[in-house]
Protein backbone atom coordinates (compact mmCIF):
# COMPACT_ATOMS: atom_id res chain seq x y z
CA MET A 1 28.66 113.23 193.28
CA PRO A 2 31.56 111.26 191.75
CA PRO A 3 30.90 109.11 188.65
CA THR A 4 29.66 105.64 189.37
CA ARG A 5 31.48 102.53 188.28
CA THR A 6 28.92 102.11 185.48
CA ASP A 7 29.56 105.67 184.28
CA ARG A 8 33.31 105.01 184.23
CA ILE A 9 32.78 101.79 182.26
CA VAL A 10 30.61 103.60 179.71
CA ALA A 11 33.21 106.37 179.39
CA ALA A 12 36.03 103.84 179.00
CA ARG A 13 34.09 102.00 176.29
CA ARG A 14 33.53 105.28 174.45
CA LYS A 15 37.27 106.03 174.61
CA LEU A 16 38.07 102.54 173.41
CA GLU A 17 35.72 102.82 170.43
CA GLN A 18 37.17 106.23 169.55
CA ALA A 19 40.71 104.83 169.75
CA ARG A 20 39.71 101.94 167.46
CA ALA A 21 38.17 104.38 164.97
CA ASP A 22 41.32 106.53 165.05
CA LEU A 23 43.50 103.46 164.49
CA GLN A 24 41.35 102.31 161.57
CA LEU A 25 41.60 105.75 159.98
CA LEU A 26 45.39 105.83 160.40
CA GLU A 27 45.74 102.35 158.91
CA ALA A 28 43.54 103.30 155.94
CA ARG A 29 45.64 106.41 155.30
CA GLU A 30 48.85 104.38 155.47
CA ALA A 31 47.47 101.82 153.01
CA GLN A 32 46.44 104.62 150.66
CA GLU A 33 49.90 106.17 150.82
CA ALA A 34 51.51 102.78 150.17
CA ARG A 35 49.33 102.33 147.06
CA LYS A 36 50.31 105.82 145.86
CA ARG A 37 54.02 105.03 146.32
CA ASP A 38 53.61 101.74 144.47
CA THR A 39 51.77 103.41 141.59
CA ARG A 40 54.43 106.11 141.34
CA ARG A 41 57.18 103.47 141.17
CA LYS A 42 55.32 101.64 138.40
CA ILE A 43 54.86 104.83 136.40
CA ILE A 44 58.53 105.77 136.73
CA LEU A 45 59.77 102.29 135.81
CA GLY A 46 57.33 102.12 132.92
CA GLY A 47 58.61 105.42 131.58
CA LEU A 48 62.21 104.29 131.91
CA LEU A 49 61.45 101.03 130.13
CA LEU A 50 59.63 102.80 127.30
CA ASP A 51 62.53 105.23 126.90
CA ALA A 52 65.07 102.40 126.92
CA ALA A 53 62.99 100.45 124.38
CA ALA A 54 62.96 103.46 122.05
CA LYS A 55 66.76 103.67 122.24
CA GLU A 56 67.97 100.07 122.45
CA PRO A 57 66.69 97.07 120.48
CA ARG A 58 67.34 94.64 123.32
CA PHE A 59 64.94 96.52 125.59
CA ALA A 60 62.44 96.88 122.75
CA GLY A 61 62.49 93.10 122.31
CA VAL A 62 62.00 92.45 126.00
CA LEU A 63 59.18 94.98 126.12
CA ALA A 64 57.50 93.34 123.12
CA GLU A 65 57.81 89.97 124.85
CA LEU A 66 56.28 91.35 128.04
CA VAL A 67 53.38 92.90 126.14
CA GLU A 68 52.69 89.50 124.58
CA ARG A 69 52.33 88.05 128.09
CA ILE A 70 49.44 90.34 129.02
CA ALA A 71 46.53 88.08 129.90
CA ARG A 72 43.62 90.37 130.76
CA PRO A 73 41.66 91.58 127.72
CA GLN A 74 41.09 95.05 129.21
CA ASP A 75 44.87 95.39 129.65
CA LYS A 76 45.58 94.18 126.11
CA THR A 77 43.42 96.93 124.62
CA ALA A 78 45.80 99.55 126.02
CA PHE A 79 48.54 98.12 123.78
CA ALA A 80 46.43 97.26 120.72
CA ASP A 81 47.87 100.05 118.54
CA TRP A 82 51.28 100.29 120.18
CA ALA A 83 54.72 98.93 119.32
CA PRO A 84 58.01 99.61 121.17
CA THR A 85 59.80 100.63 117.96
CA PRO A 86 58.95 100.10 114.30
CA ASN A 87 61.70 97.51 113.69
CA ALA A 88 62.02 95.90 117.09
CA THR A 89 63.26 92.34 117.00
CA PRO A 90 62.13 90.44 120.08
CA VAL A 91 65.04 89.41 122.27
CA PRO A 92 64.35 86.75 124.89
CA ALA A 93 64.55 87.99 128.46
CA SER A 94 67.18 85.32 129.15
CA ALA A 95 69.45 86.91 126.54
CA LEU A 96 69.04 90.29 128.18
CA LEU A 97 69.95 88.84 131.55
CA SER A 98 73.02 87.07 130.18
CA THR A 99 74.32 90.27 128.56
CA ALA A 100 73.68 92.25 131.74
CA SER A 101 75.97 90.01 133.77
CA VAL A 102 78.89 90.34 131.32
C-alpha cells in the first residue's frame, strides 16, 4: 500500500527538521572558523606590534598610549608589569600617522 498523504507530510516535516539542524550546524562551524581567523589575525598583529615597539621608539610610544586606553580591569592586569621598552617616550598616534604619510 502506498504511503498516505499524512505519511508523506510527516516524512517531509522530518526532512525539513533535519535540513534545519544541518544548516544550524554548518552556520555554527562557520562562525567558529571566523572567530579562529579573527583571533589568529589579532595574535599576529599583536606580535608584529610588540616587535616593532621593541625596535622603534615611535611604535613603543603608540603601544604605551594604547595600553593606557585599556578600560576593563581584567584586561589591565595583563599589562600591569609590562612596558614596551625601558625608555619608551610616548608618541601621539597622530604623530605616527603624519610621519607614515611622508
